[in-house]
Amino acid sequence: GSRRYWDQLKQEIIEVAPSLGIDKIGFTTADPFLE
């Protein structure tokens, strides 16, 4: 996967989410929650 591919897949996920019964979806890093 390239950066372009992951951005495209992310957009596909956002678009398909309602048809999967998901009302809202968000993305974040897997960085530690140090705070």
Full PDB file with SEQRES, HELIX, SHEET, SSBOND, CRYST1, ORIGX, SCALE, CONECT and MASTER records, all heavy atoms in Angstrom:
SEQRES   1 A   35  GLY SER ARG ARG TYR TRP ASP GLN LEU LYS GLN GLU ILE          
SEQRES   2 A   35  ILE GLU VAL ALA PRO SER LEU GLY ILE ASP LYS ILE GLY          
SEQRES   3 A   35  PHE THR THR ALA ASP PRO PHE LEU GLU                          
HELIX    1 AA1 ARG A    3  VAL A   16  1                                  14    
HELIX    2 AA2 ALA A   17  LEU A   20  5                                   4    
CRYST1    1.000    1.000    1.000  90.00  90.00  90.00 P 1           1          
ORIGX1      1.000000  0.000000  0.000000        0.00000                         
ORIGX2      0.000000  1.000000  0.000000        0.00000                         
ORIGX3      0.000000  0.000000  1.000000        0.00000                         
SCALE1      1.000000  0.000000  0.000000        0.00000                         
SCALE2      0.000000  1.000000  0.000000        0.00000                         
SCALE3      0.000000  0.000000  1.000000        0.00000                         
ATOM      1  N   GLY A   1       0.798  -1.213   0.000  1.00  0.00           N  
ATOM      2  CA  GLY A   1       0.000   0.000   0.000  1.00  0.00           C  
ATOM      3  C   GLY A   1       0.838   1.274   0.000  1.00  0.00           C  
ATOM      4  O   GLY A   1       1.813   1.392   0.732  1.00  0.00           O  
ATOM      5  N   SER A   2       0.444   2.234  -0.807  1.00  0.00           N  
ATOM      6  CA  SER A   2       1.091   3.546  -0.844  1.00  0.00           C  
ATOM      7  C   SER A   2       0.244   4.543  -0.055  1.00  0.00           C  
ATOM      8  O   SER A   2      -0.889   4.255   0.344  1.00  0.00           O  
ATOM      9  CB  SER A   2       1.213   4.013  -2.293  1.00  0.00           C  
ATOM     10  OG  SER A   2      -0.078   4.187  -2.861  1.00  0.00           O  
ATOM     11  N   ARG A   3       0.802   5.744   0.154  1.00  0.00           N  
ATOM     12  CA  ARG A   3       0.049   6.787   0.849  1.00  0.00           C  
ATOM     13  C   ARG A   3      -1.269   7.074   0.122  1.00  0.00           C  
ATOM     14  O   ARG A   3      -2.326   7.218   0.738  1.00  0.00           O  
ATOM     15  CB  ARG A   3       0.905   8.056   0.924  1.00  0.00           C  
ATOM     16  CG  ARG A   3       0.267   9.238   1.632  1.00  0.00           C  
ATOM     17  CD  ARG A   3       0.200   9.027   3.130  1.00  0.00           C  
ATOM     18  NE  ARG A   3      -1.033   8.386   3.551  1.00  0.00           N  
ATOM     19  CZ  ARG A   3      -1.173   7.656   4.651  1.00  0.00           C  
ATOM     20  NH1 ARG A   3      -0.155   7.415   5.427  1.00  0.00           N  
ATOM     21  NH2 ARG A   3      -2.322   7.123   4.970  1.00  0.00           N  
ATOM     22  N   ARG A   4      -1.190   7.111  -1.170  1.00  0.00           N  
ATOM     23  CA  ARG A   4      -2.392   7.367  -1.964  1.00  0.00           C  
ATOM     24  C   ARG A   4      -3.416   6.253  -1.764  1.00  0.00           C  
ATOM     25  O   ARG A   4      -4.621   6.513  -1.670  1.00  0.00           O  
ATOM     26  CB  ARG A   4      -2.007   7.491  -3.444  1.00  0.00           C  
ATOM     27  CG  ARG A   4      -3.191   7.774  -4.355  1.00  0.00           C  
ATOM     28  CD  ARG A   4      -2.722   7.906  -5.796  1.00  0.00           C  
ATOM     29  NE  ARG A   4      -3.845   8.120  -6.694  1.00  0.00           N  
ATOM     30  CZ  ARG A   4      -3.747   8.215  -8.015  1.00  0.00           C  
ATOM     31  NH1 ARG A   4      -2.533   8.113  -8.584  1.00  0.00           N  
ATOM     32  NH2 ARG A   4      -4.812   8.404  -8.761  1.00  0.00           N  
ATOM     33  N   TYR A   5      -2.938   5.018  -1.691  1.00  0.00           N  
ATOM     34  CA  TYR A   5      -3.854   3.890  -1.521  1.00  0.00           C  
ATOM     35  C   TYR A   5      -4.565   3.971  -0.173  1.00  0.00           C  
ATOM     36  O   TYR A   5      -5.781   3.765  -0.083  1.00  0.00           O  
ATOM     37  CB  TYR A   5      -3.099   2.566  -1.629  1.00  0.00           C  
ATOM     38  CG  TYR A   5      -3.995   1.384  -1.370  1.00  0.00           C  
ATOM     39  CD1 TYR A   5      -4.865   0.927  -2.354  1.00  0.00           C  
ATOM     40  CD2 TYR A   5      -3.997   0.752  -0.128  1.00  0.00           C  
ATOM     41  CE1 TYR A   5      -5.722  -0.147  -2.108  1.00  0.00           C  
ATOM     42  CE2 TYR A   5      -4.844  -0.319   0.120  1.00  0.00           C  
ATOM     43  CZ  TYR A   5      -5.707  -0.760  -0.871  1.00  0.00           C  
ATOM     44  OH  TYR A   5      -6.559  -1.806  -0.628  1.00  0.00           O  
ATOM     45  N   TRP A   6      -3.814   4.286   0.897  1.00  0.00           N  
ATOM     46  CA  TRP A   6      -4.431   4.337   2.224  1.00  0.00           C  
ATOM     47  C   TRP A   6      -5.436   5.476   2.313  1.00  0.00           C  
ATOM     48  O   TRP A   6      -6.476   5.340   2.956  1.00  0.00           O  
ATOM     49  CB  TRP A   6      -3.355   4.467   3.306  1.00  0.00           C  
ATOM     50  CG  TRP A   6      -2.391   3.321   3.310  1.00  0.00           C  
ATOM     51  CD1 TRP A   6      -1.046   3.365   3.169  1.00  0.00           C  
ATOM     52  CD2 TRP A   6      -2.735   1.927   3.425  1.00  0.00           C  
ATOM     53  NE1 TRP A   6      -0.504   2.099   3.183  1.00  0.00           N  
ATOM     54  CE2 TRP A   6      -1.522   1.200   3.351  1.00  0.00           C  
ATOM     55  CE3 TRP A   6      -3.921   1.225   3.581  1.00  0.00           C  
ATOM     56  CZ2 TRP A   6      -1.473  -0.182   3.434  1.00  0.00           C  
ATOM     57  CZ3 TRP A   6      -3.889  -0.161   3.662  1.00  0.00           C  
ATOM     58  CH2 TRP A   6      -2.680  -0.848   3.586  1.00  0.00           C  
ATOM     59  N   ASP A   7      -5.126   6.603   1.681  1.00  0.00           N  
ATOM     60  CA  ASP A   7      -6.082   7.710   1.676  1.00  0.00           C  
ATOM     61  C   ASP A   7      -7.353   7.333   0.907  1.00  0.00           C  
ATOM     62  O   ASP A   7      -8.462   7.685   1.307  1.00  0.00           O  
ATOM     63  CB  ASP A   7      -5.448   8.958   1.059  1.00  0.00           C  
ATOM     64  CG  ASP A   7      -4.399   9.588   1.966  1.00  0.00           C  
ATOM     65  OD1 ASP A   7      -4.385   9.240   3.165  1.00  0.00           O  
ATOM     66  OD2 ASP A   7      -3.601  10.406   1.475  1.00  0.00           O  
ATOM     67  N   GLN A   8      -7.167   6.599  -0.178  1.00  0.00           N  
ATOM     68  CA  GLN A   8      -8.315   6.167  -0.961  1.00  0.00           C  
ATOM     69  C   GLN A   8      -9.161   5.162  -0.173  1.00  0.00           C  
ATOM     70  O   GLN A   8     -10.399   5.235  -0.164  1.00  0.00           O  
ATOM     71  CB  GLN A   8      -7.847   5.533  -2.275  1.00  0.00           C  
ATOM     72  CG  GLN A   8      -8.986   5.046  -3.170  1.00  0.00           C  
ATOM     73  CD  GLN A   8      -8.480   4.396  -4.445  1.00  0.00           C  
ATOM     74  OE1 GLN A   8      -7.364   4.672  -4.895  1.00  0.00           O  
ATOM     75  NE2 GLN A   8      -9.298   3.536  -5.031  1.00  0.00           N  
ATOM     76  N   LEU A   9      -8.488   4.218   0.503  1.00  0.00           N  
ATOM     77  CA  LEU A   9      -9.217   3.229   1.298  1.00  0.00           C  
ATOM     78  C   LEU A   9      -9.949   3.901   2.459  1.00  0.00           C  
ATOM     79  O   LEU A   9     -11.095   3.533   2.777  1.00  0.00           O  
ATOM     80  CB  LEU A   9      -8.258   2.163   1.832  1.00  0.00           C  
ATOM     81  CG  LEU A   9      -8.885   1.069   2.698  1.00  0.00           C  
ATOM     82  CD1 LEU A   9     -10.014   0.350   1.950  1.00  0.00           C  
ATOM     83  CD2 LEU A   9      -7.821   0.075   3.171  1.00  0.00           C  
ATOM     84  N   LYS A  10      -9.313   4.871   3.060  1.00  0.00           N  
ATOM     85  CA  LYS A  10      -9.974   5.610   4.138  1.00  0.00           C  
ATOM     86  C   LYS A  10     -11.262   6.243   3.635  1.00  0.00           C  
ATOM     87  O   LYS A  10     -12.304   6.165   4.301  1.00  0.00           O  
ATOM     88  CB  LYS A  10      -9.034   6.677   4.704  1.00  0.00           C  
ATOM     89  CG  LYS A  10      -9.697   7.566   5.761  1.00  0.00           C  
ATOM     90  CD  LYS A  10      -8.762   8.654   6.272  1.00  0.00           C  
ATOM     91  CE  LYS A  10      -9.481   9.612   7.185  1.00  0.00           C  
ATOM     92  NZ  LYS A  10      -8.598  10.691   7.710  1.00  0.00           N  
ATOM     93  N   GLN A  11     -11.212   6.851   2.473  1.00  0.00           N  
ATOM     94  CA  GLN A  11     -12.398   7.488   1.911  1.00  0.00           C  
ATOM     95  C   GLN A  11     -13.468   6.451   1.601  1.00  0.00           C  
ATOM     96  O   GLN A  11     -14.668   6.688   1.823  1.00  0.00           O  
ATOM     97  CB  GLN A  11     -12.034   8.270   0.645  1.00  0.00           C  
ATOM     98  CG  GLN A  11     -13.163   9.135   0.101  1.00  0.00           C  
ATOM     99  CD  GLN A  11     -13.677  10.144   1.116  1.00  0.00           C  
ATOM    100  OE1 GLN A  11     -12.901  10.729   1.876  1.00  0.00           O  
ATOM    101  NE2 GLN A  11     -14.979  10.337   1.140  1.00  0.00           N  
ATOM    102  N   GLU A  12     -13.067   5.296   1.127  1.00  0.00           N  
ATOM    103  CA  GLU A  12     -14.027   4.219   0.846  1.00  0.00           C  
ATOM    104  C   GLU A  12     -14.710   3.763   2.142  1.00  0.00           C  
ATOM    105  O   GLU A  12     -15.917   3.491   2.165  1.00  0.00           O  
ATOM    106  CB  GLU A  12     -13.313   3.037   0.187  1.00  0.00           C  
ATOM    107  CG  GLU A  12     -12.868   3.298  -1.243  1.00  0.00           C  
ATOM    108  CD  GLU A  12     -12.125   2.101  -1.833  1.00  0.00           C  
ATOM    109  OE1 GLU A  12     -12.121   1.032  -1.178  1.00  0.00           O  
ATOM    110  OE2 GLU A  12     -11.565   2.238  -2.926  1.00  0.00           O  
ATOM    111  N   ILE A  13     -13.931   3.679   3.212  1.00  0.00           N  
ATOM    112  CA  ILE A  13     -14.486   3.272   4.505  1.00  0.00           C  
ATOM    113  C   ILE A  13     -15.507   4.297   4.991  1.00  0.00           C  
ATOM    114  O   ILE A  13     -16.593   3.930   5.467  1.00  0.00           O  
ATOM    115  CB  ILE A  13     -13.352   3.087   5.537  1.00  0.00           C  
ATOM    116  CG1 ILE A  13     -12.521   1.848   5.191  1.00  0.00           C  
ATOM    117  CG2 ILE A  13     -13.909   2.977   6.951  1.00  0.00           C  
ATOM    118  CD1 ILE A  13     -11.255   1.697   6.023  1.00  0.00           C  
ATOM    119  N   ILE A  14     -15.162   5.562   4.876  1.00  0.00           N  
ATOM    120  CA  ILE A  14     -16.084   6.623   5.300  1.00  0.00           C  
ATOM    121  C   ILE A  14     -17.387   6.548   4.501  1.00  0.00           C  
ATOM    122  O   ILE A  14     -18.489   6.683   5.063  1.00  0.00           O  
ATOM    123  CB  ILE A  14     -15.423   7.994   5.127  1.00  0.00           C  
ATOM    124  CG1 ILE A  14     -14.247   8.147   6.110  1.00  0.00           C  
ATOM    125  CG2 ILE A  14     -16.433   9.121   5.322  1.00  0.00           C  
ATOM    126  CD1 ILE A  14     -13.390   9.371   5.865  1.00  0.00           C  
ATOM    127  N   GLU A  15     -17.274   6.289   3.213  1.00  0.00           N  
ATOM    128  CA  GLU A  15     -18.452   6.256   2.360  1.00  0.00           C  
ATOM    129  C   GLU A  15     -19.317   5.024   2.589  1.00  0.00           C  
ATOM    130  O   GLU A  15     -20.552   5.081   2.480  1.00  0.00           O  
ATOM    131  CB  GLU A  15     -18.025   6.340   0.890  1.00  0.00           C  
ATOM    132  CG  GLU A  15     -17.446   7.698   0.513  1.00  0.00           C  
ATOM    133  CD  GLU A  15     -16.871   7.728  -0.896  1.00  0.00           C  
ATOM    134  OE1 GLU A  15     -16.908   6.669  -1.569  1.00  0.00           O  
ATOM    135  OE2 GLU A  15     -16.367   8.799  -1.314  1.00  0.00           O  
ATOM    136  N   VAL A  16     -18.686   3.890   2.911  1.00  0.00           N  
ATOM    137  CA  VAL A  16     -19.446   2.657   3.090  1.00  0.00           C  
ATOM    138  C   VAL A  16     -20.012   2.527   4.499  1.00  0.00           C  
ATOM    139  O   VAL A  16     -20.954   1.751   4.730  1.00  0.00           O  
ATOM    140  CB  VAL A  16     -18.572   1.423   2.763  1.00  0.00           C  
ATOM    141  CG1 VAL A  16     -17.642   1.069   3.927  1.00  0.00           C  
ATOM    142  CG2 VAL A  16     -19.441   0.221   2.390  1.00  0.00           C  
ATOM    143  N   ALA A  17     -19.473   3.266   5.461  1.00  0.00           N  
ATOM    144  CA  ALA A  17     -19.854   3.113   6.867  1.00  0.00           C  
ATOM    145  C   ALA A  17     -21.364   3.155   7.096  1.00  0.00           C  
ATOM    146  O   ALA A  17     -21.908   2.287   7.802  1.00  0.00           O  
ATOM    147  CB  ALA A  17     -19.145   4.162   7.722  1.00  0.00           C  
ATOM    148  N   PRO A  18     -22.102   4.123   6.520  1.00  0.00           N  
ATOM    149  CA  PRO A  18     -23.554   4.151   6.770  1.00  0.00           C  
ATOM    150  C   PRO A  18     -24.258   2.877   6.318  1.00  0.00           C  
ATOM    151  O   PRO A  18     -25.189   2.403   6.989  1.00  0.00           O  
ATOM    152  CB  PRO A  18     -24.015   5.373   5.963  1.00  0.00           C  
ATOM    153  CG  PRO A  18     -22.810   6.256   5.879  1.00  0.00           C  
ATOM    154  CD  PRO A  18     -21.657   5.305   5.759  1.00  0.00           C  
ATOM    155  N   SER A  19     -23.830   2.297   5.196  1.00  0.00           N  
ATOM    156  CA  SER A  19     -24.469   1.071   4.710  1.00  0.00           C  
ATOM    157  C   SER A  19     -24.146  -0.123   5.595  1.00  0.00           C  
ATOM    158  O   SER A  19     -24.840  -1.145   5.551  1.00  0.00           O  
ATOM    159  CB  SER A  19     -24.037   0.785   3.268  1.00  0.00           C  
ATOM    160  OG  SER A  19     -22.667   0.409   3.212  1.00  0.00           O  
ATOM    161  N   LEU A  20     -23.108  -0.008   6.419  1.00  0.00           N  
ATOM    162  CA  LEU A  20     -22.749  -1.058   7.369  1.00  0.00           C  
ATOM    163  C   LEU A  20     -23.428  -0.853   8.712  1.00  0.00           C  
ATOM    164  O   LEU A  20     -23.220  -1.642   9.641  1.00  0.00           O  
ATOM    165  CB  LEU A  20     -21.226  -1.103   7.565  1.00  0.00           C  
ATOM    166  CG  LEU A  20     -20.380  -1.347   6.311  1.00  0.00           C  
ATOM    167  CD1 LEU A  20     -18.897  -1.326   6.670  1.00  0.00           C  
ATOM    168  CD2 LEU A  20     -20.760  -2.652   5.636  1.00  0.00           C  
ATOM    169  N   GLY A  21     -24.217   0.210   8.820  1.00  0.00           N  
ATOM    170  CA  GLY A  21     -24.915   0.500  10.066  1.00  0.00           C  
ATOM    171  C   GLY A  21     -24.122   1.341  11.037  1.00  0.00           C  
ATOM    172  O   GLY A  21     -24.453   1.418  12.224  1.00  0.00           O  
ATOM    173  N   ILE A  22     -23.052   1.981  10.549  1.00  0.00           N  
ATOM    174  CA  ILE A  22     -22.200   2.828  11.398  1.00  0.00           C  
ATOM    175  C   ILE A  22     -22.585   4.287  11.185  1.00  0.00           C  
ATOM    176  O   ILE A  22     -22.643   4.764  10.054  1.00  0.00           O  
ATOM    177  CB  ILE A  22     -20.711   2.606  11.050  1.00  0.00           C  
ATOM    178  CG1 ILE A  22     -20.309   1.173  11.410  1.00  0.00           C  
ATOM    179  CG2 ILE A  22     -19.824   3.616  11.762  1.00  0.00           C  
ATOM    180  CD1 ILE A  22     -18.955   0.760  10.873  1.00  0.00           C  
ATOM    181  N   ASP A  23     -22.859   4.999  12.277  1.00  0.00           N  
ATOM    182  CA  ASP A  23     -23.318   6.382  12.165  1.00  0.00           C  
ATOM    183  C   ASP A  23     -22.186   7.392  12.020  1.00  0.00           C  
ATOM    184  O   ASP A  23     -22.343   8.422  11.378  1.00  0.00           O  
ATOM    185  CB  ASP A  23     -24.175   6.745  13.386  1.00  0.00           C  
ATOM    186  CG  ASP A  23     -25.514   6.037  13.352  1.00  0.00           C  
ATOM    187  OD1 ASP A  23     -26.126   5.983  12.271  1.00  0.00           O  
ATOM    188  OD2 ASP A  23     -25.943   5.532  14.405  1.00  0.00           O  
ATOM    189  N   LYS A  24     -21.071   7.109  12.655  1.00  0.00           N  
ATOM    190  CA  LYS A  24     -19.944   8.039  12.529  1.00  0.00           C  
ATOM    191  C   LYS A  24     -18.655   7.258  12.713  1.00  0.00           C  
ATOM    192  O   LYS A  24     -18.583   6.322  13.519  1.00  0.00           O  
ATOM    193  CB  LYS A  24     -20.027   9.173  13.554  1.00  0.00           C  
ATOM    194  CG  LYS A  24     -19.000  10.286  13.314  1.00  0.00           C  
ATOM    195  CD  LYS A  24     -19.268  11.523  14.159  1.00  0.00           C  
ATOM    196  CE  LYS A  24     -18.295  12.641  13.771  1.00  0.00           C  
ATOM    197  NZ  LYS A  24     -18.508  13.869  14.568  1.00  0.00           N  
ATOM    198  N   ILE A  25     -17.631   7.634  11.940  1.00  0.00           N  
ATOM    199  CA  ILE A  25     -16.341   6.964  12.041  1.00  0.00           C  
ATOM    200  C   ILE A  25     -15.244   8.012  11.994  1.00  0.00           C  
ATOM    201  O   ILE A  25     -15.342   9.021  11.283  1.00  0.00           O  
ATOM    202  CB  ILE A  25     -16.170   5.930  10.899  1.00  0.00           C  
ATOM    203  CG1 ILE A  25     -14.904   5.099  11.103  1.00  0.00           C  
ATOM    204  CG2 ILE A  25     -16.188   6.588   9.533  1.00  0.00           C  
ATOM    205  CD1 ILE A  25     -14.864   3.851  10.236  1.00  0.00           C  
ATOM    206  N   GLY A  26     -14.230   7.817  12.808  1.00  0.00           N  
ATOM    207  CA  GLY A  26     -13.094   8.727  12.846  1.00  0.00           C  
ATOM    208  C   GLY A  26     -11.800   7.945  12.897  1.00  0.00           C  
ATOM    209  O   GLY A  26     -11.781   6.761  13.265  1.00  0.00           O  
ATOM    210  N   PHE A  27     -10.707   8.598  12.533  1.00  0.00           N  
ATOM    211  CA  PHE A  27      -9.404   7.938  12.463  1.00  0.00           C  
ATOM    212  C   PHE A  27      -8.393   8.714  13.300  1.00  0.00           C  
ATOM    213  O   PHE A  27      -8.393   9.950  13.307  1.00  0.00           O  
ATOM    214  CB  PHE A  27      -8.914   7.886  11.015  1.00  0.00           C  
ATOM    215  CG  PHE A  27      -9.796   7.096  10.086  1.00  0.00           C  
ATOM    216  CD1 PHE A  27     -11.011   7.615   9.655  1.00  0.00           C  
ATOM    217  CD2 PHE A  27      -9.416   5.836   9.647  1.00  0.00           C  
ATOM    218  CE1 PHE A  27     -11.827   6.893   8.787  1.00  0.00           C  
ATOM    219  CE2 PHE A  27     -10.227   5.109   8.780  1.00  0.00           C  
ATOM    220  CZ  PHE A  27     -11.437   5.639   8.358  1.00  0.00           C  
ATOM    221  N   THR A  28      -7.551   7.988  13.984  1.00  0.00           N  
ATOM    222  CA  THR A  28      -6.466   8.627  14.711  1.00  0.00           C  
ATOM    223  C   THR A  28      -5.235   7.716  14.672  1.00  0.00           C  
ATOM    224  O   THR A  28      -5.304   6.568  14.230  1.00  0.00           O  
ATOM    225  CB  THR A  28      -6.852   8.944  16.166  1.00  0.00           C  
ATOM    226  OG1 THR A  28      -5.802   9.701  16.795  1.00  0.00           O  
ATOM    227  CG2 THR A  28      -7.093   7.684  16.979  1.00  0.00           C  
ATOM    228  N   THR A  29      -4.136   8.236  15.118  1.00  0.00           N  
ATOM    229  CA  THR A  29      -2.898   7.452  15.146  1.00  0.00           C  
ATOM    230  C   THR A  29      -2.956   6.435  16.281  1.00  0.00           C  
ATOM    231  O   THR A  29      -3.829   6.489  17.146  1.00  0.00           O  
ATOM    232  CB  THR A  29      -1.686   8.366  15.376  1.00  0.00           C  
ATOM    233  OG1 THR A  29      -1.756   8.881  16.729  1.00  0.00           O  
ATOM    234  CG2 THR A  29      -1.670   9.519  14.386  1.00  0.00           C  
ATOM    235  N   ALA A  30      -2.009   5.541  16.284  1.00  0.00           N  
ATOM    236  CA  ALA A  30      -1.870   4.587  17.389  1.00  0.00           C  
ATOM    237  C   ALA A  30      -0.790   5.047  18.356  1.00  0.00           C  
ATOM    238  O   ALA A  30      -0.212   4.229  19.086  1.00  0.00           O  
ATOM    239  CB  ALA A  30      -1.557   3.194  16.849  1.00  0.00           C  
ATOM    240  N   ASP A  31      -0.524   6.345  18.371  1.00  0.00           N  
ATOM    241  CA  ASP A  31       0.438   6.884  19.329  1.00  0.00           C  
ATOM    242  C   ASP A  31      -0.057   6.667  20.757  1.00  0.00           C  
ATOM    243  O   ASP A  31      -1.274   6.610  20.999  1.00  0.00           O  
ATOM    244  CB  ASP A  31       0.635   8.385  19.093  1.00  0.00           C  
ATOM    245  CG  ASP A  31       1.298   8.688  17.760  1.00  0.00           C  
ATOM    246  OD1 ASP A  31       1.908   7.770  17.190  1.00  0.00           O  
ATOM    247  OD2 ASP A  31       1.186   9.839  17.285  1.00  0.00           O  
ATOM    248  N   PRO A  32       0.846   6.573  21.709  1.00  0.00           N  
ATOM    249  CA  PRO A  32       0.424   6.385  23.101  1.00  0.00           C  
ATOM    250  C   PRO A  32      -0.437   7.548  23.594  1.00  0.00           C  
ATOM    251  O   PRO A  32      -0.265   8.695  23.161  1.00  0.00           O  
ATOM    252  CB  PRO A  32       1.758   6.332  23.864  1.00  0.00           C  
ATOM    253  CG  PRO A  32       2.767   5.922  22.850  1.00  0.00           C  
ATOM    254  CD  PRO A  32       2.305   6.537  21.560  1.00  0.00           C  
ATOM    255  N   PHE A  33      -1.342   7.252  24.501  1.00  0.00           N  
ATOM    256  CA  PHE A  33      -2.195   8.270  25.127  1.00  0.00           C  
ATOM    257  C   PHE A  33      -1.499   8.768  26.393  1.00  0.00           C  
ATOM    258  O   PHE A  33      -1.985   8.576  27.511  1.00  0.00           O  
ATOM    259  CB  PHE A  33      -3.563   7.675  25.440  1.00  0.00           C  
ATOM    260  CG  PHE A  33      -4.362   7.331  24.214  1.00  0.00           C  
ATOM    261  CD1 PHE A  33      -4.214   6.087  23.605  1.00  0.00           C  
ATOM    262  CD2 PHE A  33      -5.247   8.242  23.652  1.00  0.00           C  
ATOM    263  CE1 PHE A  33      -4.943   5.756  22.466  1.00  0.00           C  
ATOM    264  CE2 PHE A  33      -5.972   7.923  22.515  1.00  0.00           C  
ATOM    265  CZ  PHE A  33      -5.818   6.686  21.915  1.00  0.00           C  
ATOM    266  N   LEU A  34      -0.361   9.423  26.186  1.00  0.00           N  
ATOM    267  CA  LEU A  34       0.479   9.808  27.315  1.00  0.00           C  
ATOM    268  C   LEU A  34      -0.204  10.770  28.272  1.00  0.00           C  
ATOM    269  O   LEU A  34       0.068  10.769  29.483  1.00  0.00           O  
ATOM    270  CB  LEU A  34       1.786  10.429  26.798  1.00  0.00           C  
ATOM    271  CG  LEU A  34       2.677   9.501  25.957  1.00  0.00           C  
ATOM    272  CD1 LEU A  34       3.884  10.258  25.428  1.00  0.00           C  
ATOM    273  CD2 LEU A  34       3.107   8.288  26.770  1.00  0.00           C  
ATOM    274  N   GLU A  35      -1.125  11.574  27.741  1.00  0.00           N  
ATOM    275  CA  GLU A  35      -1.816  12.555  28.581  1.00  0.00           C  
ATOM    276  C   GLU A  35      -2.732  11.876  29.606  1.00  0.00           C  
ATOM    277  O   GLU A  35      -3.157  12.503  30.586  1.00  0.00           O  
ATOM    278  CB  GLU A  35      -2.641  13.509  27.708  1.00  0.00           C  
ATOM    279  CG  GLU A  35      -3.877  12.895  27.046  1.00  0.00           C  
ATOM    280  CD  GLU A  35      -3.565  12.057  25.813  1.00  0.00           C  
ATOM    281  OE1 GLU A  35      -2.367  11.948  25.442  1.00  0.00           O  
ATOM    282  OE2 GLU A  35      -4.509  11.533  25.209  1.00  0.00           O  
TER     283      GLU A  35                                                      
MASTER        0    0    0    2    0    0    0    6  282    1    0    3          
END                                                                             
